[in-house]
Amino acid sequence: MSANVGEETSPFVDQLADGPGVSRIDPSDPAAPMYRLLALMRSPVALRDLMIQPVRTGYIGQEKPIDPALLPKSAAELYPDIRVSELDVPAPLGRIRCQVFSPPGVAAGRSMMLYAHGGGFTLGQSEDTAYITSRIASENGMVVVSANYRLAPEWPFPACLDDCLEVLQWMQKNGATVGGDGARIAVGGDSAGGNIAAALPLKARDAGLPVPQAAVLLAPITDFFFEQYESFERLAPLGIVYDAAFIGFIRGAYLVHGKNGGHPHASPVRANLRGYPATFIATGTADPLVDDNHGFGVTEIEHLVREGMPHGFYFFPGMFKQGDEAFAAVAKFLERTGLA
């Protein structure tokens, strides 16, 4: 479905490759001859462009196909009653492709969640988190809108936030068209998407817009000054799911300039959190971000911590009972906040 008739020919914003984060050789640059020589010796010339390609293709399994028998059941198999539809939200640069996960039944005016997928700000799509969004929609009777925002390094901070704010405003104004209530919205996300979800209430507040009623953050990044946290220094250097090398790369790719690290929309823990909505956070003690998450000083907050669990322990169905416990806690939190 398109949110705006006549917009179908405009591009999807997450497919726009030529953003402000792309390195270019300026012919008038005195160093251009060296850059042109390097272009003959390696491709692409910019090392960050060279690094992002294997990260993206490796993440989605294109270079090493996965035997389907080794994978857990898909979201469609687990939640056949959840209807998944496409939604295109108009934005200044084109269309923001969203997937809408709708619970069964004909009820109107359901609560909604705007969900931001993880992937270190540099990769991923709504399909990757379909299990999470389908389960939240199913267990809480809410409409989940999962946004495909622009990715770094091509589109650095705050491009992804700008896109998600457009989606939030659309949901607030037009939620009824997908069976939702624009006055009852939570934000949610995992990892980098958790950072986006954590920053959205602040970005909305600072723009003079209505603030979401709740935040569901699954192991979010709330502070880009990672090294000040003991859990990061202890767990990240040789981490398997989440390591210091990758987090250093995504910090540079997303923020570009060091000064952005302290911006409240990049590191929400450093913001004025007065009036921040009720918040739920889930983390494991084996996650380098656990201390970061403990430091998110929201007045009304529930922090579910599970011993020995890694970053993303809630990501795969049937993997850990602690993942089921996290979703059960999310459901209780949303019920307490009047959104389930």
C-alpha atoms as a PDB file:
ATOM      1  CA  MET A   1       0.000   0.000   0.000  1.00  0.00           C
ATOM      2  CA  SER A   2       1.197   3.499  -0.671  1.00  0.00           C
ATOM      3  CA  ALA A   3       0.753   6.232   1.887  1.00  0.00           C
ATOM      4  CA  ASN A   4       0.445   8.802  -0.846  1.00  0.00           C
ATOM      5  CA  VAL A   5      -1.055   8.200  -4.272  1.00  0.00           C
ATOM      6  CA  GLY A   6       1.327   9.327  -7.005  1.00  0.00           C
ATOM      7  CA  GLU A   7       4.461   8.648  -4.963  1.00  0.00           C
ATOM      8  CA  GLU A   8       4.966   5.128  -6.365  1.00  0.00           C
ATOM      9  CA  THR A   9       7.576   6.278  -8.888  1.00  0.00           C
ATOM     10  CA  SER A  10       9.828   7.958  -6.329  1.00  0.00           C
ATOM     11  CA  PRO A  11      12.761   5.892  -5.015  1.00  0.00           C
ATOM     12  CA  PHE A  12      12.944   4.029  -1.753  1.00  0.00           C
ATOM     13  CA  VAL A  13      15.188   6.087   0.501  1.00  0.00           C
ATOM     14  CA  ASP A  14      17.107   3.071   1.833  1.00  0.00           C
ATOM     15  CA  GLN A  15      18.147   2.286  -1.757  1.00  0.00           C
ATOM     16  CA  LEU A  16      19.690   5.710  -2.391  1.00  0.00           C
ATOM     17  CA  ALA A  17      23.422   5.006  -2.674  1.00  0.00           C
ATOM     18  CA  ASP A  18      24.854   8.436  -3.455  1.00  0.00           C
ATOM     19  CA  GLY A  19      24.534  10.071  -0.057  1.00  0.00           C
ATOM     20  CA  PRO A  20      26.686  12.639   1.733  1.00  0.00           C
ATOM     21  CA  GLY A  21      28.768   9.886   3.327  1.00  0.00           C
ATOM     22  CA  VAL A  22      30.225   8.701   0.007  1.00  0.00           C
ATOM     23  CA  SER A  23      33.906   9.512  -0.517  1.00  0.00           C
ATOM     24  CA  ARG A  24      34.680  11.163  -3.858  1.00  0.00           C
ATOM     25  CA  ILE A  25      37.856  12.115  -5.722  1.00  0.00           C
ATOM     26  CA  ASP A  26      37.824  15.834  -6.500  1.00  0.00           C
ATOM     27  CA  PRO A  27      39.730  16.407  -9.784  1.00  0.00           C
ATOM     28  CA  SER A  28      40.903  19.786  -8.474  1.00  0.00           C
ATOM     29  CA  ASP A  29      42.401  18.217  -5.338  1.00  0.00           C
ATOM     30  CA  PRO A  30      46.245  18.391  -5.448  1.00  0.00           C
ATOM     31  CA  ALA A  31      46.275  14.809  -4.124  1.00  0.00           C
ATOM     32  CA  ALA A  32      44.025  13.518  -6.937  1.00  0.00           C
ATOM     33  CA  PRO A  33      46.904  11.855  -8.879  1.00  0.00           C
ATOM     34  CA  MET A  34      47.684   9.645  -5.884  1.00  0.00           C
ATOM     35  CA  TYR A  35      44.038   8.764  -5.394  1.00  0.00           C
ATOM     36  CA  ARG A  36      43.722   7.800  -9.064  1.00  0.00           C
ATOM     37  CA  LEU A  37      46.755   5.537  -8.728  1.00  0.00           C
ATOM     38  CA  LEU A  38      45.264   3.934  -5.627  1.00  0.00           C
ATOM     39  CA  ALA A  39      42.070   3.364  -7.609  1.00  0.00           C
ATOM     40  CA  LEU A  40      44.104   1.143  -9.935  1.00  0.00           C
ATOM     41  CA  MET A  41      45.567  -0.775  -7.005  1.00  0.00           C
ATOM     42  CA  ARG A  42      42.417  -1.425  -4.964  1.00  0.00           C
ATOM     43  CA  SER A  43      38.710  -1.017  -5.427  1.00  0.00           C
ATOM     44  CA  PRO A  44      37.018   0.835  -3.925  1.00  0.00           C
ATOM     45  CA  VAL A  45      39.582   3.449  -2.911  1.00  0.00           C
ATOM     46  CA  ALA A  46      38.016   4.410   0.439  1.00  0.00           C
ATOM     47  CA  LEU A  47      38.729   1.689   2.987  1.00  0.00           C
ATOM     48  CA  ARG A  48      35.353   2.052   4.679  1.00  0.00           C
ATOM     49  CA  ASP A  49      33.679   1.300   1.333  1.00  0.00           C
ATOM     50  CA  LEU A  50      35.963  -1.712   1.011  1.00  0.00           C
ATOM     51  CA  MET A  51      35.019  -2.951   4.482  1.00  0.00           C
ATOM     52  CA  ILE A  52      31.264  -2.506   4.273  1.00  0.00           C
ATOM     53  CA  GLN A  53      30.762  -4.827   1.283  1.00  0.00           C
ATOM     54  CA  PRO A  54      31.745  -8.099   3.036  1.00  0.00           C
ATOM     55  CA  VAL A  55      29.895  -6.994   6.168  1.00  0.00           C
ATOM     56  CA  ARG A  56      26.658  -6.545   4.236  1.00  0.00           C
ATOM     57  CA  THR A  57      26.889  -9.626   2.021  1.00  0.00           C
ATOM     58  CA  GLY A  58      28.145 -11.820   4.855  1.00  0.00           C
ATOM     59  CA  TYR A  59      25.345 -10.706   7.151  1.00  0.00           C
ATOM     60  CA  ILE A  60      22.577 -11.820   4.833  1.00  0.00           C
ATOM     61  CA  GLY A  61      24.329 -15.022   3.734  1.00  0.00           C
ATOM     62  CA  GLN A  62      24.829 -14.226   0.063  1.00  0.00           C
ATOM     63  CA  GLU A  63      28.463 -15.349  -0.104  1.00  0.00           C
ATOM     64  CA  LYS A  64      27.879 -18.513   1.935  1.00  0.00           C
ATOM     65  CA  PRO A  65      24.361 -19.899   1.438  1.00  0.00           C
ATOM     66  CA  ILE A  66      22.772 -21.391   4.534  1.00  0.00           C
ATOM     67  CA  ASP A  67      21.171 -24.818   4.590  1.00  0.00           C
ATOM     68  CA  PRO A  68      17.499 -24.114   5.395  1.00  0.00           C
ATOM     69  CA  ALA A  69      17.450 -27.205   7.626  1.00  0.00           C
ATOM     70  CA  LEU A  70      19.858 -25.461   9.982  1.00  0.00           C
ATOM     71  CA  LEU A  71      17.651 -22.399  10.401  1.00  0.00           C
ATOM     72  CA  PRO A  72      14.780 -21.896  12.854  1.00  0.00           C
ATOM     73  CA  LYS A  73      11.236 -21.640  11.590  1.00  0.00           C
ATOM     74  CA  SER A  74      10.395 -18.422   9.779  1.00  0.00           C
ATOM     75  CA  ALA A  75       8.117 -15.744  11.155  1.00  0.00           C
ATOM     76  CA  ALA A  76       5.496 -16.676   8.563  1.00  0.00           C
ATOM     77  CA  GLU A  77       5.512 -20.293   9.788  1.00  0.00           C
ATOM     78  CA  LEU A  78       5.386 -19.316  13.455  1.00  0.00           C
ATOM     79  CA  TYR A  79       2.786 -16.573  13.103  1.00  0.00           C
ATOM     80  CA  PRO A  80       0.602 -17.420  10.092  1.00  0.00           C
ATOM     81  CA  ASP A  81      -2.233 -15.235  11.421  1.00  0.00           C
ATOM     82  CA  ILE A  82      -0.106 -12.080  11.293  1.00  0.00           C
ATOM     83  CA  ARG A  83      -0.777 -10.223   8.071  1.00  0.00           C
ATOM     84  CA  VAL A  84       2.292  -8.549   6.579  1.00  0.00           C
ATOM     85  CA  SER A  85       1.714  -5.691   4.165  1.00  0.00           C
ATOM     86  CA  GLU A  86       3.868  -3.058   2.512  1.00  0.00           C
ATOM     87  CA  LEU A  87       3.558   0.612   3.325  1.00  0.00           C
ATOM     88  CA  ASP A  88       5.368   3.453   1.558  1.00  0.00           C
ATOM     89  CA  VAL A  89       5.659   6.604   3.648  1.00  0.00           C
ATOM     90  CA  PRO A  90       6.469   9.761   1.654  1.00  0.00           C
ATOM     91  CA  ALA A  91       9.609  11.629   2.672  1.00  0.00           C
ATOM     92  CA  PRO A  92      11.613  14.536   1.222  1.00  0.00           C
ATOM     93  CA  LEU A  93      14.018  12.246  -0.686  1.00  0.00           C
ATOM     94  CA  GLY A  94      11.534   9.587  -1.749  1.00  0.00           C
ATOM     95  CA  ARG A  95       9.585   6.778  -0.122  1.00  0.00           C
ATOM     96  CA  ILE A  96      10.349   5.015   3.141  1.00  0.00           C
ATOM     97  CA  ARG A  97       9.494   1.347   2.690  1.00  0.00           C
ATOM     98  CA  CYS A  98       7.822  -0.108   5.755  1.00  0.00           C
ATOM     99  CA  GLN A  99       6.377  -3.495   6.551  1.00  0.00           C
ATOM    100  CA  VAL A 100       3.191  -3.528   8.599  1.00  0.00           C
ATOM    101  CA  PHE A 101       2.579  -6.509  10.899  1.00  0.00           C
ATOM    102  CA  SER A 102      -1.121  -6.660  11.745  1.00  0.00           C
ATOM    103  CA  PRO A 103      -2.767  -9.046  14.235  1.00  0.00           C
ATOM    104  CA  PRO A 104      -5.845 -11.014  13.144  1.00  0.00           C
ATOM    105  CA  GLY A 105      -9.358  -9.689  13.544  1.00  0.00           C
ATOM    106  CA  VAL A 106     -11.168  -6.588  12.401  1.00  0.00           C
ATOM    107  CA  ALA A 107     -10.589  -4.407  15.454  1.00  0.00           C
ATOM    108  CA  ALA A 108      -9.752  -0.808  14.692  1.00  0.00           C
ATOM    109  CA  GLY A 109      -7.871   1.657  16.816  1.00  0.00           C
ATOM    110  CA  ARG A 110      -5.205  -0.772  17.992  1.00  0.00           C
ATOM    111  CA  SER A 111      -2.079   0.483  19.674  1.00  0.00           C
ATOM    112  CA  MET A 112       0.955   0.670  17.390  1.00  0.00           C
ATOM    113  CA  MET A 113       4.707   0.286  17.523  1.00  0.00           C
ATOM    114  CA  LEU A 114       7.249   1.883  15.221  1.00  0.00           C
ATOM    115  CA  TYR A 115      10.097  -0.631  15.021  1.00  0.00           C
ATOM    116  CA  ALA A 116      13.673   0.050  13.875  1.00  0.00           C
ATOM    117  CA  HIS A 117      15.733  -2.991  12.876  1.00  0.00           C
ATOM    118  CA  GLY A 118      19.315  -3.464  14.055  1.00  0.00           C
ATOM    119  CA  GLY A 119      22.437  -3.916  11.978  1.00  0.00           C
ATOM    120  CA  GLY A 120      24.964  -1.411  13.242  1.00  0.00           C
ATOM    121  CA  PHE A 121      23.393   1.482  11.299  1.00  0.00           C
ATOM    122  CA  THR A 122      25.111   0.059   8.196  1.00  0.00           C
ATOM    123  CA  LEU A 123      23.054  -2.959   7.129  1.00  0.00           C
ATOM    124  CA  GLY A 124      19.824  -4.850   7.667  1.00  0.00           C
ATOM    125  CA  GLN A 125      16.184  -4.535   6.714  1.00  0.00           C
ATOM    126  CA  SER A 126      12.745  -5.082   8.182  1.00  0.00           C
ATOM    127  CA  GLU A 127      12.642  -8.664   6.898  1.00  0.00           C
ATOM    128  CA  ASP A 128      15.554  -9.536   9.200  1.00  0.00           C
ATOM    129  CA  THR A 129      13.525  -8.767  12.315  1.00  0.00           C
ATOM    130  CA  ALA A 130      10.229 -10.251  11.127  1.00  0.00           C
ATOM    131  CA  TYR A 131      10.239 -12.772  13.984  1.00  0.00           C
ATOM    132  CA  ILE A 132      10.516  -9.999  16.578  1.00  0.00           C
ATOM    133  CA  THR A 133       7.903  -7.770  14.987  1.00  0.00           C
ATOM    134  CA  SER A 134       5.506 -10.648  14.279  1.00  0.00           C
ATOM    135  CA  ARG A 135       5.762 -11.879  17.855  1.00  0.00           C
ATOM    136  CA  ILE A 136       5.197  -8.416  19.328  1.00  0.00           C
ATOM    137  CA  ALA A 137       2.176  -7.922  17.061  1.00  0.00           C
ATOM    138  CA  SER A 138       0.765 -11.363  17.934  1.00  0.00           C
ATOM    139  CA  GLU A 139       1.305 -11.332  21.688  1.00  0.00           C
ATOM    140  CA  ASN A 140       0.181  -7.745  22.237  1.00  0.00           C
ATOM    141  CA  GLY A 141      -2.564  -7.296  19.657  1.00  0.00           C
ATOM    142  CA  MET A 142      -0.811  -4.242  18.253  1.00  0.00           C
ATOM    143  CA  VAL A 143       0.072  -3.032  14.769  1.00  0.00           C
ATOM    144  CA  VAL A 144       3.832  -2.962  14.240  1.00  0.00           C
ATOM    145  CA  VAL A 145       5.276  -0.739  11.529  1.00  0.00           C
ATOM    146  CA  SER A 146       8.878  -1.725  10.727  1.00  0.00           C
ATOM    147  CA  ALA A 147      10.817   0.979   8.885  1.00  0.00           C
ATOM    148  CA  ASN A 148      13.587   0.594   6.316  1.00  0.00           C
ATOM    149  CA  TYR A 149      15.648   3.693   6.985  1.00  0.00           C
ATOM    150  CA  ARG A 150      18.739   5.019   5.194  1.00  0.00           C
ATOM    151  CA  LEU A 151      21.998   3.326   6.122  1.00  0.00           C
ATOM    152  CA  ALA A 152      25.497   4.563   6.887  1.00  0.00           C
ATOM    153  CA  PRO A 153      28.169   5.139   5.707  1.00  0.00           C
ATOM    154  CA  GLU A 154      26.380   6.485   2.639  1.00  0.00           C
ATOM    155  CA  TRP A 155      23.839   8.233   4.868  1.00  0.00           C
ATOM    156  CA  PRO A 156      25.368   9.150   8.232  1.00  0.00           C
ATOM    157  CA  PHE A 157      23.759  10.614  11.362  1.00  0.00           C
ATOM    158  CA  PRO A 158      21.008  11.764  11.535  1.00  0.00           C
ATOM    159  CA  ALA A 159      19.570  10.360   8.274  1.00  0.00           C
ATOM    160  CA  CYS A 160      18.081   7.204   9.819  1.00  0.00           C
ATOM    161  CA  LEU A 161      16.513   9.248  12.600  1.00  0.00           C
ATOM    162  CA  ASP A 162      15.029  11.693  10.112  1.00  0.00           C
ATOM    163  CA  ASP A 163      13.441   8.799   8.222  1.00  0.00           C
ATOM    164  CA  CYS A 164      11.996   7.233  11.351  1.00  0.00           C
ATOM    165  CA  LEU A 165      10.622  10.572  12.500  1.00  0.00           C
ATOM    166  CA  GLU A 166       8.801  10.838   9.161  1.00  0.00           C
ATOM    167  CA  VAL A 167       7.291   7.402   9.786  1.00  0.00           C
ATOM    168  CA  LEU A 168       6.339   8.329  13.344  1.00  0.00           C
ATOM    169  CA  GLN A 169       4.555  11.460  12.157  1.00  0.00           C
ATOM    170  CA  TRP A 170       2.757   9.475   9.473  1.00  0.00           C
ATOM    171  CA  MET A 171       1.594   6.947  12.075  1.00  0.00           C
ATOM    172  CA  GLN A 172       0.383   9.705  14.379  1.00  0.00           C
ATOM    173  CA  LYS A 173      -1.642  11.320  11.597  1.00  0.00           C
ATOM    174  CA  ASN A 174      -2.699   8.317   9.518  1.00  0.00           C
ATOM    175  CA  GLY A 175      -2.491   5.297  11.817  1.00  0.00           C
ATOM    176  CA  ALA A 176      -6.194   4.587  11.393  1.00  0.00           C
ATOM    177  CA  THR A 177      -5.547   3.585   7.761  1.00  0.00           C
ATOM    178  CA  VAL A 178      -3.631   0.535   9.003  1.00  0.00           C
ATOM    179  CA  GLY A 179      -6.002  -0.164  11.894  1.00  0.00           C
ATOM    180  CA  GLY A 180      -4.030   1.752  14.491  1.00  0.00           C
ATOM    181  CA  ASP A 181      -4.540   4.575  16.955  1.00  0.00           C
ATOM    182  CA  GLY A 182      -2.212   7.501  16.286  1.00  0.00           C
ATOM    183  CA  ALA A 183      -2.393   8.554  19.930  1.00  0.00           C
ATOM    184  CA  ARG A 184      -1.161   5.182  21.267  1.00  0.00           C
ATOM    185  CA  ILE A 185       2.289   4.552  19.852  1.00  0.00           C
ATOM    186  CA  ALA A 186       5.380   2.873  21.255  1.00  0.00           C
ATOM    187  CA  VAL A 187       8.813   2.885  19.664  1.00  0.00           C
ATOM    188  CA  GLY A 188      10.955  -0.230  19.592  1.00  0.00           C
ATOM    189  CA  GLY A 189      14.191  -1.523  18.186  1.00  0.00           C
ATOM    190  CA  ASP A 190      17.155  -3.822  18.698  1.00  0.00           C
ATOM    191  CA  SER A 191      20.839  -2.862  18.980  1.00  0.00           C
ATOM    192  CA  ALA A 192      21.418   0.043  16.568  1.00  0.00           C
ATOM    193  CA  GLY A 193      17.655   0.098  16.046  1.00  0.00           C
ATOM    194  CA  GLY A 194      17.357   0.361  19.813  1.00  0.00           C
ATOM    195  CA  ASN A 195      19.507   3.482  19.640  1.00  0.00           C
ATOM    196  CA  ILE A 196      17.180   4.940  17.015  1.00  0.00           C
ATOM    197  CA  ALA A 197      14.120   4.042  19.086  1.00  0.00           C
ATOM    198  CA  ALA A 198      15.727   5.550  22.197  1.00  0.00           C
ATOM    199  CA  ALA A 199      16.519   8.778  20.358  1.00  0.00           C
ATOM    200  CA  LEU A 200      13.125   9.176  18.653  1.00  0.00           C
ATOM    201  CA  PRO A 201      11.216  10.491  21.699  1.00  0.00           C
ATOM    202  CA  LEU A 202      13.947  13.121  22.139  1.00  0.00           C
ATOM    203  CA  LYS A 203      13.953  14.064  18.470  1.00  0.00           C
ATOM    204  CA  ALA A 204      10.156  14.315  18.465  1.00  0.00           C
ATOM    205  CA  ARG A 205      10.163  16.386  21.660  1.00  0.00           C
ATOM    206  CA  ASP A 206      12.843  18.736  20.349  1.00  0.00           C
ATOM    207  CA  ALA A 207      10.880  19.198  17.120  1.00  0.00           C
ATOM    208  CA  GLY A 208       7.734  20.116  19.072  1.00  0.00           C
ATOM    209  CA  LEU A 209       5.946  16.924  18.018  1.00  0.00           C
ATOM    210  CA  PRO A 210       3.929  14.446  20.098  1.00  0.00           C
ATOM    211  CA  VAL A 211       6.167  12.042  21.988  1.00  0.00           C
ATOM    212  CA  PRO A 212       5.580   8.251  21.834  1.00  0.00           C
ATOM    213  CA  GLN A 213       3.986   6.726  24.902  1.00  0.00           C
ATOM    214  CA  ALA A 214       6.601   4.030  25.549  1.00  0.00           C
ATOM    215  CA  ALA A 215       9.941   2.647  24.384  1.00  0.00           C
ATOM    216  CA  VAL A 216      10.901  -1.029  24.032  1.00  0.00           C
ATOM    217  CA  LEU A 217      14.668  -1.265  23.628  1.00  0.00           C
ATOM    218  CA  LEU A 218      16.392  -4.588  23.024  1.00  0.00           C
ATOM    219  CA  ALA A 219      20.082  -4.172  23.945  1.00  0.00           C
ATOM    220  CA  PRO A 220      20.224  -0.611  22.617  1.00  0.00           C
ATOM    221  CA  ILE A 221      23.299   1.552  22.176  1.00  0.00           C
ATOM    222  CA  THR A 222      22.542   4.530  24.398  1.00  0.00           C
ATOM    223  CA  ASP A 223      26.067   5.989  24.543  1.00  0.00           C
ATOM    224  CA  PHE A 224      28.707   6.119  21.809  1.00  0.00           C
ATOM    225  CA  PHE A 225      31.474   6.566  24.363  1.00  0.00           C
ATOM    226  CA  PHE A 226      31.627   2.796  24.764  1.00  0.00           C
ATOM    227  CA  GLU A 227      35.083   2.593  26.290  1.00  0.00           C
ATOM    228  CA  GLN A 228      34.028   4.212  29.549  1.00  0.00           C
ATOM    229  CA  TYR A 229      31.948   1.137  30.458  1.00  0.00           C
ATOM    230  CA  GLU A 230      33.568  -1.793  32.240  1.00  0.00           C
ATOM    231  CA  SER A 231      31.407  -4.375  30.480  1.00  0.00           C
ATOM    232  CA  PHE A 232      32.483  -3.079  27.079  1.00  0.00           C
ATOM    233  CA  GLU A 233      36.185  -3.090  27.941  1.00  0.00           C
ATOM    234  CA  ARG A 234      35.883  -6.610  29.339  1.00  0.00           C
ATOM    235  CA  LEU A 235      33.602  -8.251  26.768  1.00  0.00           C
ATOM    236  CA  ALA A 236      33.962  -6.387  23.469  1.00  0.00           C
ATOM    237  CA  PRO A 237      37.654  -6.773  22.476  1.00  0.00           C
ATOM    238  CA  LEU A 238      37.302 -10.450  21.510  1.00  0.00           C
ATOM    239  CA  GLY A 239      33.531 -10.630  21.383  1.00  0.00           C
ATOM    240  CA  ILE A 240      31.834 -12.999  18.932  1.00  0.00           C
ATOM    241  CA  VAL A 241      28.493 -11.363  18.175  1.00  0.00           C
ATOM    242  CA  TYR A 242      29.551  -7.858  19.106  1.00  0.00           C
ATOM    243  CA  ASP A 243      33.207  -6.834  19.188  1.00  0.00           C
ATOM    244  CA  ALA A 244      35.315  -3.709  19.564  1.00  0.00           C
ATOM    245  CA  ALA A 245      36.471  -3.725  15.924  1.00  0.00           C
ATOM    246  CA  PHE A 246      32.924  -3.696  14.567  1.00  0.00           C
ATOM    247  CA  ILE A 247      31.622  -1.116  17.010  1.00  0.00           C
ATOM    248  CA  GLY A 248      34.550   1.146  16.182  1.00  0.00           C
ATOM    249  CA  PHE A 249      33.739   0.818  12.498  1.00  0.00           C
ATOM    250  CA  ILE A 250      30.046   1.560  12.869  1.00  0.00           C
ATOM    251  CA  ARG A 251      30.731   4.518  15.147  1.00  0.00           C
ATOM    252  CA  GLY A 252      32.913   6.089  12.469  1.00  0.00           C
ATOM    253  CA  ALA A 253      30.536   5.159   9.661  1.00  0.00           C
ATOM    254  CA  TYR A 254      27.446   6.518  11.415  1.00  0.00           C
ATOM    255  CA  LEU A 255      28.696   9.547  13.326  1.00  0.00           C
ATOM    256  CA  VAL A 256      31.592  10.567  11.016  1.00  0.00           C
ATOM    257  CA  HIS A 257      32.596  13.474  13.270  1.00  0.00           C
ATOM    258  CA  GLY A 258      33.703  12.910  16.856  1.00  0.00           C
ATOM    259  CA  LYS A 259      31.596  15.806  18.092  1.00  0.00           C
ATOM    260  CA  ASN A 260      28.455  13.881  17.148  1.00  0.00           C
ATOM    261  CA  GLY A 261      29.157  11.264  19.811  1.00  0.00           C
ATOM    262  CA  GLY A 262      27.895  13.558  22.533  1.00  0.00           C
ATOM    263  CA  HIS A 263      24.809  14.714  20.639  1.00  0.00           C
ATOM    264  CA  PRO A 264      21.713  13.676  22.623  1.00  0.00           C
ATOM    265  CA  HIS A 265      20.127  12.208  19.496  1.00  0.00           C
ATOM    266  CA  ALA A 266      23.191   9.974  19.029  1.00  0.00           C
ATOM    267  CA  SER A 267      23.861   9.168  22.694  1.00  0.00           C
ATOM    268  CA  PRO A 268      20.460   9.489  24.398  1.00  0.00           C
ATOM    269  CA  VAL A 269      21.981   8.740  27.810  1.00  0.00           C
ATOM    270  CA  ARG A 270      23.547  12.217  27.625  1.00  0.00           C
ATOM    271  CA  ALA A 271      20.242  13.969  26.935  1.00  0.00           C
ATOM    272  CA  ASN A 272      17.898  15.756  29.286  1.00  0.00           C
ATOM    273  CA  LEU A 273      15.567  12.810  29.906  1.00  0.00           C
ATOM    274  CA  ARG A 274      12.910  14.787  31.740  1.00  0.00           C
ATOM    275  CA  GLY A 275       9.491  13.663  30.575  1.00  0.00           C
ATOM    276  CA  TYR A 276      10.920  10.648  28.731  1.00  0.00           C
ATOM    277  CA  PRO A 277       8.311   7.903  28.203  1.00  0.00           C
ATOM    278  CA  ALA A 278       8.167   4.673  30.160  1.00  0.00           C
ATOM    279  CA  THR A 279      10.971   2.400  28.969  1.00  0.00           C
ATOM    280  CA  PHE A 280      11.731  -1.317  28.829  1.00  0.00           C
ATOM    281  CA  ILE A 281      15.268  -2.592  28.174  1.00  0.00           C
ATOM    282  CA  ALA A 282      16.412  -6.204  27.741  1.00  0.00           C
ATOM    283  CA  THR A 283      20.102  -7.145  27.931  1.00  0.00           C
ATOM    284  CA  GLY A 284      22.254 -10.135  28.829  1.00  0.00           C
ATOM    285  CA  THR A 285      25.259 -10.142  31.146  1.00  0.00           C
ATOM    286  CA  ALA A 286      27.452 -11.404  28.265  1.00  0.00           C
ATOM    287  CA  ASP A 287      26.527  -8.352  26.182  1.00  0.00           C
ATOM    288  CA  PRO A 288      29.194  -5.600  26.132  1.00  0.00           C
ATOM    289  CA  LEU A 289      26.337  -3.078  26.292  1.00  0.00           C
ATOM    290  CA  VAL A 290      24.927  -4.216  29.634  1.00  0.00           C
ATOM    291  CA  ASP A 291      26.601  -1.412  31.626  1.00  0.00           C
ATOM    292  CA  ASP A 292      25.626   1.138  28.975  1.00  0.00           C
ATOM    293  CA  ASN A 293      22.017  -0.004  29.379  1.00  0.00           C
ATOM    294  CA  HIS A 294      22.189   0.198  33.165  1.00  0.00           C
ATOM    295  CA  GLY A 295      23.223   3.838  32.789  1.00  0.00           C
ATOM    296  CA  PHE A 296      20.116   4.941  30.873  1.00  0.00           C
ATOM    297  CA  GLY A 297      18.629   7.141  33.569  1.00  0.00           C
ATOM    298  CA  VAL A 298      14.983   7.268  32.633  1.00  0.00           C
ATOM    299  CA  THR A 299      12.605   7.888  35.546  1.00  0.00           C
ATOM    300  CA  GLU A 300      10.217   5.049  34.685  1.00  0.00           C
ATOM    301  CA  ILE A 301      12.311   2.129  33.459  1.00  0.00           C
ATOM    302  CA  GLU A 302      12.354  -1.664  33.628  1.00  0.00           C
ATOM    303  CA  HIS A 303      15.659  -3.375  32.838  1.00  0.00           C
ATOM    304  CA  LEU A 304      15.429  -7.105  32.263  1.00  0.00           C
ATOM    305  CA  VAL A 305      18.897  -8.702  32.546  1.00  0.00           C
ATOM    306  CA  ARG A 306      19.538 -12.387  31.872  1.00  0.00           C
ATOM    307  CA  GLU A 307      22.664 -14.119  33.138  1.00  0.00           C
ATOM    308  CA  GLY A 308      25.099 -15.362  30.505  1.00  0.00           C
ATOM    309  CA  MET A 309      23.028 -14.137  27.569  1.00  0.00           C
ATOM    310  CA  PRO A 310      24.788 -12.538  24.572  1.00  0.00           C
ATOM    311  CA  HIS A 311      23.838  -9.583  22.413  1.00  0.00           C
ATOM    312  CA  GLY A 312      20.673 -10.562  20.510  1.00  0.00           C
ATOM    313  CA  PHE A 313      19.630 -13.518  22.691  1.00  0.00           C
ATOM    314  CA  TYR A 314      15.973 -12.741  21.832  1.00  0.00           C
ATOM    315  CA  PHE A 315      16.593 -12.818  18.080  1.00  0.00           C
ATOM    316  CA  PHE A 316      15.961 -16.479  17.175  1.00  0.00           C
ATOM    317  CA  PRO A 317      12.858 -18.485  18.105  1.00  0.00           C
ATOM    318  CA  GLY A 318      13.405 -21.514  20.293  1.00  0.00           C
ATOM    319  CA  MET A 319      17.074 -20.732  20.931  1.00  0.00           C
ATOM    320  CA  PHE A 320      16.928 -19.618  24.582  1.00  0.00           C
ATOM    321  CA  LYS A 321      14.175 -19.735  27.187  1.00  0.00           C
ATOM    322  CA  GLN A 322      15.525 -16.339  28.269  1.00  0.00           C
ATOM    323  CA  GLY A 323      14.400 -14.968  24.903  1.00  0.00           C
ATOM    324  CA  ASP A 324      10.857 -16.106  25.646  1.00  0.00           C
ATOM    325  CA  GLU A 325      11.152 -14.450  29.057  1.00  0.00           C
ATOM    326  CA  ALA A 326      12.132 -11.187  27.370  1.00  0.00           C
ATOM    327  CA  PHE A 327       9.051 -11.206  25.136  1.00  0.00           C
ATOM    328  CA  ALA A 328       6.829 -12.082  28.093  1.00  0.00           C
ATOM    329  CA  ALA A 329       8.288  -9.118  29.975  1.00  0.00           C
ATOM    330  CA  VAL A 330       7.687  -6.860  26.978  1.00  0.00           C
ATOM    331  CA  ALA A 331       4.034  -7.937  26.963  1.00  0.00           C
ATOM    332  CA  LYS A 332       3.618  -7.155  30.675  1.00  0.00           C
ATOM    333  CA  PHE A 333       5.322  -3.793  30.205  1.00  0.00           C
ATOM    334  CA  LEU A 334       3.074  -2.831  27.297  1.00  0.00           C
ATOM    335  CA  GLU A 335       0.012  -3.917  29.279  1.00  0.00           C
ATOM    336  CA  ARG A 336       1.085  -1.737  32.211  1.00  0.00           C
ATOM    337  CA  THR A 337       1.529   1.242  29.922  1.00  0.00           C
ATOM    338  CA  GLY A 338      -1.916   0.730  28.375  1.00  0.00           C
ATOM    339  CA  LEU A 339      -0.606  -0.271  24.962  1.00  0.00           C
ATOM    340  CA  ALA A 340      -1.576  -3.955  25.006  1.00  0.00           C
END
